């Protein structure tokens, strides 16, 4: 009779070890960036983003290579669905195409390659000229604090 409780305890310990191994496998299988994405709303809300400005590689709808203004975020974001405009939710977003007025284009050129804080309105790509799924219409661009 003493063998049954020992065998049961051994099976339970093995089950706990397998559960822990499975949990650790899942933790490493999914990048923490996607899990840590902070949710933000689409336009009209003005959001603040931190990241590095760069000229990213893109392509026109007819296949011509181009460079486009972008921000590579310090931390990934998620954007909630906007059903009335048919803008889907996005998760793990780290690169955003930037829509810039002339003043913010000048700031982009001056600060390219640097860490910045961008305030702006997020919107979803809706044509072939948009280079990322989520874009930001910049309201202001300033050096990161």
Foldseek 3Di string as FASTA:
>chain_A
DVVVVVVVVVVVVVVVVVVVVVVVVVVVVDDVLQVPAAEDEAPPDKDKFKFAWAFDWFAAPVGHIDTFIKGFGPGHHWYPDDVVVRQHIGTSDGMAGEDEDPVVVVVSVVRHGAIKMFIFGKDADDDRVGGDGIHTHTPDIGGDD
